[in-house]
Amino acid sequence: MLQAPRPENTGRRHEDTVNVFCNKLEVFTHGFAHLHKADLSLNDKLVKIDAQIAQKVNTPDFRAKVKKTKTKLRTKVLYFNLALIFC
């Protein structure tokens, strides 16, 4: 980790290129650290949401609604298929 940014205009081409690379690497490192922290907090939130969804999905009421919706969709699809065949 750099204490201060390296000078990028010393007049020596190769040294300047290395210094630019080191400075950019430092910036990217800080950016990735922030993204990692955000990812960890997001992961914790997603675990909680997954648990809540699992609780809601396992109820018999939800299963009955899903079954009812499936039958509705099946009849609609069959109706449209028959309508396309006879047109």
N, C-alpha and C. Protein backbone atom coordinates (compact mmCIF):
# COMPACT_ATOMS: atom_id res chain seq x y z
N MET A 1 0.84 -1.18 0.00
CA MET A 1 0.00 0.00 0.00
C MET A 1 0.89 1.24 0.00
N LEU A 2 0.56 2.15 -0.85
CA LEU A 2 1.36 3.36 -0.98
C LEU A 2 0.98 4.38 0.08
N GLN A 3 1.98 5.07 0.61
CA GLN A 3 1.71 6.13 1.58
C GLN A 3 1.22 7.39 0.86
N ALA A 4 1.80 7.66 -0.31
CA ALA A 4 1.41 8.82 -1.12
C ALA A 4 1.50 8.41 -2.58
N PRO A 5 0.73 9.06 -3.44
CA PRO A 5 0.80 8.71 -4.86
C PRO A 5 2.20 8.96 -5.42
N ARG A 6 2.62 8.11 -6.32
CA ARG A 6 3.93 8.27 -6.94
C ARG A 6 3.86 9.33 -8.03
N PRO A 7 4.92 10.09 -8.22
CA PRO A 7 4.91 11.13 -9.27
C PRO A 7 4.89 10.50 -10.66
N GLU A 8 4.03 11.05 -11.52
CA GLU A 8 3.86 10.48 -12.85
C GLU A 8 4.49 11.33 -13.94
N ASN A 9 5.20 12.37 -13.57
CA ASN A 9 5.80 13.27 -14.57
C ASN A 9 7.27 13.56 -14.26
N THR A 10 8.02 12.52 -14.04
CA THR A 10 9.43 12.69 -13.70
C THR A 10 10.29 12.92 -14.94
N GLY A 11 9.79 12.58 -16.10
CA GLY A 11 10.57 12.75 -17.33
C GLY A 11 11.17 11.45 -17.80
N ARG A 12 11.21 10.46 -16.94
CA ARG A 12 11.70 9.14 -17.33
C ARG A 12 10.51 8.27 -17.72
N ARG A 13 10.47 7.89 -18.97
CA ARG A 13 9.27 7.26 -19.54
C ARG A 13 8.88 5.96 -18.82
N HIS A 14 9.83 5.08 -18.63
CA HIS A 14 9.52 3.79 -18.01
C HIS A 14 9.10 3.95 -16.54
N GLU A 15 9.79 4.81 -15.83
CA GLU A 15 9.45 5.04 -14.43
C GLU A 15 8.06 5.67 -14.30
N ASP A 16 7.75 6.60 -15.19
CA ASP A 16 6.43 7.23 -15.18
C ASP A 16 5.34 6.20 -15.45
N THR A 17 5.59 5.29 -16.39
CA THR A 17 4.60 4.25 -16.71
C THR A 17 4.37 3.34 -15.52
N VAL A 18 5.44 2.96 -14.85
CA VAL A 18 5.30 2.11 -13.66
C VAL A 18 4.57 2.86 -12.55
N ASN A 19 4.85 4.13 -12.38
CA ASN A 19 4.19 4.92 -11.35
C ASN A 19 2.69 5.08 -11.64
N VAL A 20 2.34 5.28 -12.92
CA VAL A 20 0.93 5.36 -13.29
C VAL A 20 0.24 4.05 -12.96
N PHE A 21 0.90 2.94 -13.31
CA PHE A 21 0.33 1.63 -13.01
C PHE A 21 0.13 1.43 -11.51
N CYS A 22 1.13 1.79 -10.71
CA CYS A 22 1.03 1.63 -9.26
C CYS A 22 -0.09 2.49 -8.69
N ASN A 23 -0.23 3.71 -9.16
CA ASN A 23 -1.28 4.60 -8.67
C ASN A 23 -2.66 4.05 -9.03
N LYS A 24 -2.81 3.58 -10.27
CA LYS A 24 -4.10 3.02 -10.68
C LYS A 24 -4.41 1.74 -9.92
N LEU A 25 -3.40 0.93 -9.67
CA LEU A 25 -3.59 -0.30 -8.92
C LEU A 25 -4.10 0.00 -7.51
N GLU A 26 -3.57 1.04 -6.92
CA GLU A 26 -4.01 1.46 -5.58
C GLU A 26 -5.49 1.87 -5.59
N VAL A 27 -5.88 2.61 -6.62
CA VAL A 27 -7.28 3.05 -6.74
C VAL A 27 -8.19 1.84 -6.92
N PHE A 28 -7.79 0.91 -7.79
CA PHE A 28 -8.61 -0.29 -8.01
C PHE A 28 -8.73 -1.14 -6.76
N THR A 29 -7.64 -1.20 -5.98
CA THR A 29 -7.67 -1.98 -4.74
C THR A 29 -8.69 -1.40 -3.77
N HIS A 30 -8.72 -0.10 -3.63
CA HIS A 30 -9.69 0.54 -2.75
C HIS A 30 -11.12 0.30 -3.26
N GLY A 31 -11.29 0.39 -4.57
CA GLY A 31 -12.62 0.16 -5.15
C GLY A 31 -13.09 -1.26 -4.91
N PHE A 32 -12.22 -2.24 -5.09
CA PHE A 32 -12.61 -3.63 -4.86
C PHE A 32 -12.91 -3.89 -3.39
N ALA A 33 -12.20 -3.21 -2.49
CA ALA A 33 -12.48 -3.37 -1.07
C ALA A 33 -13.88 -2.86 -0.74
N HIS A 34 -14.26 -1.72 -1.32
CA HIS A 34 -15.61 -1.19 -1.09
C HIS A 34 -16.67 -2.11 -1.68
N LEU A 35 -16.42 -2.64 -2.88
CA LEU A 35 -17.38 -3.57 -3.49
C LEU A 35 -17.52 -4.84 -2.66
N HIS A 36 -16.43 -5.32 -2.10
CA HIS A 36 -16.48 -6.53 -1.28
C HIS A 36 -17.31 -6.29 -0.02
N LYS A 37 -17.14 -5.14 0.60
CA LYS A 37 -17.94 -4.82 1.80
C LYS A 37 -19.42 -4.72 1.45
N ALA A 38 -19.72 -4.09 0.32
CA ALA A 38 -21.12 -3.97 -0.11
C ALA A 38 -21.70 -5.34 -0.43
N ASP A 39 -20.89 -6.21 -1.02
CA ASP A 39 -21.34 -7.56 -1.35
C ASP A 39 -21.63 -8.36 -0.09
N LEU A 40 -20.82 -8.20 0.92
CA LEU A 40 -21.06 -8.93 2.17
C LEU A 40 -22.36 -8.49 2.83
N SER A 41 -22.62 -7.20 2.85
CA SER A 41 -23.86 -6.72 3.47
C SER A 41 -25.06 -7.15 2.63
N LEU A 42 -24.91 -7.14 1.32
CA LEU A 42 -25.99 -7.58 0.44
C LEU A 42 -26.25 -9.07 0.63
N ASN A 43 -25.20 -9.84 0.80
CA ASN A 43 -25.35 -11.28 1.00
C ASN A 43 -26.13 -11.57 2.28
N ASP A 44 -25.85 -10.84 3.35
CA ASP A 44 -26.60 -11.03 4.59
C ASP A 44 -28.09 -10.73 4.39
N LYS A 45 -28.39 -9.66 3.66
CA LYS A 45 -29.78 -9.30 3.39
C LYS A 45 -30.47 -10.37 2.56
N LEU A 46 -29.76 -10.91 1.58
CA LEU A 46 -30.35 -11.94 0.72
C LEU A 46 -30.63 -13.23 1.49
N VAL A 47 -29.79 -13.56 2.44
CA VAL A 47 -30.03 -14.75 3.26
C VAL A 47 -31.31 -14.58 4.08
N LYS A 48 -31.51 -13.39 4.63
CA LYS A 48 -32.74 -13.13 5.39
C LYS A 48 -33.97 -13.19 4.50
N ILE A 49 -33.87 -12.63 3.29
CA ILE A 49 -35.00 -12.66 2.36
C ILE A 49 -35.30 -14.09 1.93
N ASP A 50 -34.27 -14.89 1.68
CA ASP A 50 -34.48 -16.29 1.33
C ASP A 50 -35.23 -17.04 2.44
N ALA A 51 -34.87 -16.77 3.67
CA ALA A 51 -35.55 -17.42 4.79
C ALA A 51 -37.02 -17.01 4.86
N GLN A 52 -37.30 -15.74 4.63
CA GLN A 52 -38.68 -15.27 4.64
C GLN A 52 -39.49 -15.89 3.51
N ILE A 53 -38.90 -15.99 2.34
CA ILE A 53 -39.60 -16.60 1.20
C ILE A 53 -39.87 -18.06 1.47
N ALA A 54 -38.91 -18.76 2.04
CA ALA A 54 -39.10 -20.18 2.34
C ALA A 54 -40.24 -20.39 3.33
N GLN A 55 -40.39 -19.49 4.28
CA GLN A 55 -41.49 -19.59 5.24
C GLN A 55 -42.83 -19.37 4.55
N LYS A 56 -42.88 -18.43 3.63
CA LYS A 56 -44.14 -18.12 2.96
C LYS A 56 -44.52 -19.19 1.94
N VAL A 57 -43.55 -19.79 1.31
CA VAL A 57 -43.82 -20.77 0.25
C VAL A 57 -44.31 -22.09 0.83
N ASN A 58 -43.90 -22.44 2.00
CA ASN A 58 -44.25 -23.74 2.57
C ASN A 58 -45.64 -23.79 3.20
N THR A 59 -46.41 -22.76 3.09
CA THR A 59 -47.74 -22.76 3.67
C THR A 59 -48.72 -23.48 2.74
N PRO A 60 -49.70 -24.17 3.28
CA PRO A 60 -50.69 -24.86 2.43
C PRO A 60 -51.53 -23.90 1.59
N ASP A 61 -51.77 -22.70 2.12
CA ASP A 61 -52.54 -21.71 1.39
C ASP A 61 -51.81 -21.32 0.09
N PHE A 62 -50.53 -21.12 0.20
CA PHE A 62 -49.73 -20.75 -0.98
C PHE A 62 -49.75 -21.88 -2.01
N ARG A 63 -49.62 -23.10 -1.54
CA ARG A 63 -49.65 -24.25 -2.46
C ARG A 63 -50.99 -24.34 -3.19
N ALA A 64 -52.07 -24.06 -2.47
CA ALA A 64 -53.39 -24.11 -3.11
C ALA A 64 -53.51 -23.01 -4.17
N LYS A 65 -52.99 -21.83 -3.88
CA LYS A 65 -53.04 -20.74 -4.86
C LYS A 65 -52.22 -21.08 -6.11
N VAL A 66 -51.07 -21.70 -5.90
CA VAL A 66 -50.23 -22.07 -7.03
C VAL A 66 -50.94 -23.12 -7.88
N LYS A 67 -51.56 -24.07 -7.24
CA LYS A 67 -52.27 -25.12 -7.97
C LYS A 67 -53.42 -24.52 -8.78
N LYS A 68 -54.15 -23.59 -8.18
CA LYS A 68 -55.27 -22.94 -8.86
C LYS A 68 -54.77 -22.14 -10.06
N THR A 69 -53.67 -21.42 -9.88
CA THR A 69 -53.09 -20.63 -10.96
C THR A 69 -52.61 -21.54 -12.10
N LYS A 70 -52.03 -22.68 -11.75
CA LYS A 70 -51.57 -23.61 -12.77
C LYS A 70 -52.73 -24.12 -13.62
N THR A 71 -53.83 -24.46 -12.95
CA THR A 71 -54.98 -24.97 -13.72
C THR A 71 -55.56 -23.88 -14.62
N LYS A 72 -55.59 -22.63 -14.13
CA LYS A 72 -56.07 -21.53 -14.96
C LYS A 72 -55.19 -21.36 -16.20
N LEU A 73 -53.90 -21.38 -15.99
CA LEU A 73 -52.98 -21.19 -17.10
C LEU A 73 -53.07 -22.35 -18.09
N ARG A 74 -53.23 -23.56 -17.59
CA ARG A 74 -53.36 -24.71 -18.49
C ARG A 74 -54.60 -24.57 -19.37
N THR A 75 -55.72 -24.18 -18.77
CA THR A 75 -56.94 -24.06 -19.56
C THR A 75 -56.81 -22.94 -20.58
N LYS A 76 -56.17 -21.83 -20.21
CA LYS A 76 -55.98 -20.74 -21.16
C LYS A 76 -55.08 -21.16 -22.33
N VAL A 77 -54.01 -21.87 -22.02
CA VAL A 77 -53.10 -22.32 -23.07
C VAL A 77 -53.81 -23.31 -23.98
N LEU A 78 -54.55 -24.23 -23.42
CA LEU A 78 -55.30 -25.19 -24.24
C LEU A 78 -56.32 -24.46 -25.11
N TYR A 79 -57.00 -23.50 -24.56
CA TYR A 79 -58.00 -22.73 -25.32
C TYR A 79 -57.35 -22.01 -26.49
N PHE A 80 -56.20 -21.34 -26.22
CA PHE A 80 -55.53 -20.63 -27.31
C PHE A 80 -54.98 -21.57 -28.36
N ASN A 81 -54.48 -22.75 -27.93
CA ASN A 81 -53.99 -23.73 -28.90
C ASN A 81 -55.12 -24.24 -29.79
N LEU A 82 -56.26 -24.50 -29.18
CA LEU A 82 -57.40 -24.96 -29.97
C LEU A 82 -57.89 -23.86 -30.91
N ALA A 83 -57.87 -22.64 -30.43
CA ALA A 83 -58.30 -21.52 -31.28
C ALA A 83 -57.37 -21.36 -32.47
N LEU A 84 -56.08 -21.58 -32.26
CA LEU A 84 -55.12 -21.48 -33.37
C LEU A 84 -55.28 -22.62 -34.36
N ILE A 85 -55.63 -23.80 -33.87
CA ILE A 85 -55.79 -24.96 -34.75
C ILE A 85 -57.00 -24.77 -35.65
N PHE A 86 -58.10 -24.27 -35.11
CA PHE A 86 -59.33 -24.18 -35.88
C PHE A 86 -59.46 -22.88 -36.68
N CYS A 87 -58.49 -21.99 -36.58
CA CYS A 87 -58.57 -20.74 -37.35
C CYS A 87 -58.09 -20.90 -38.75
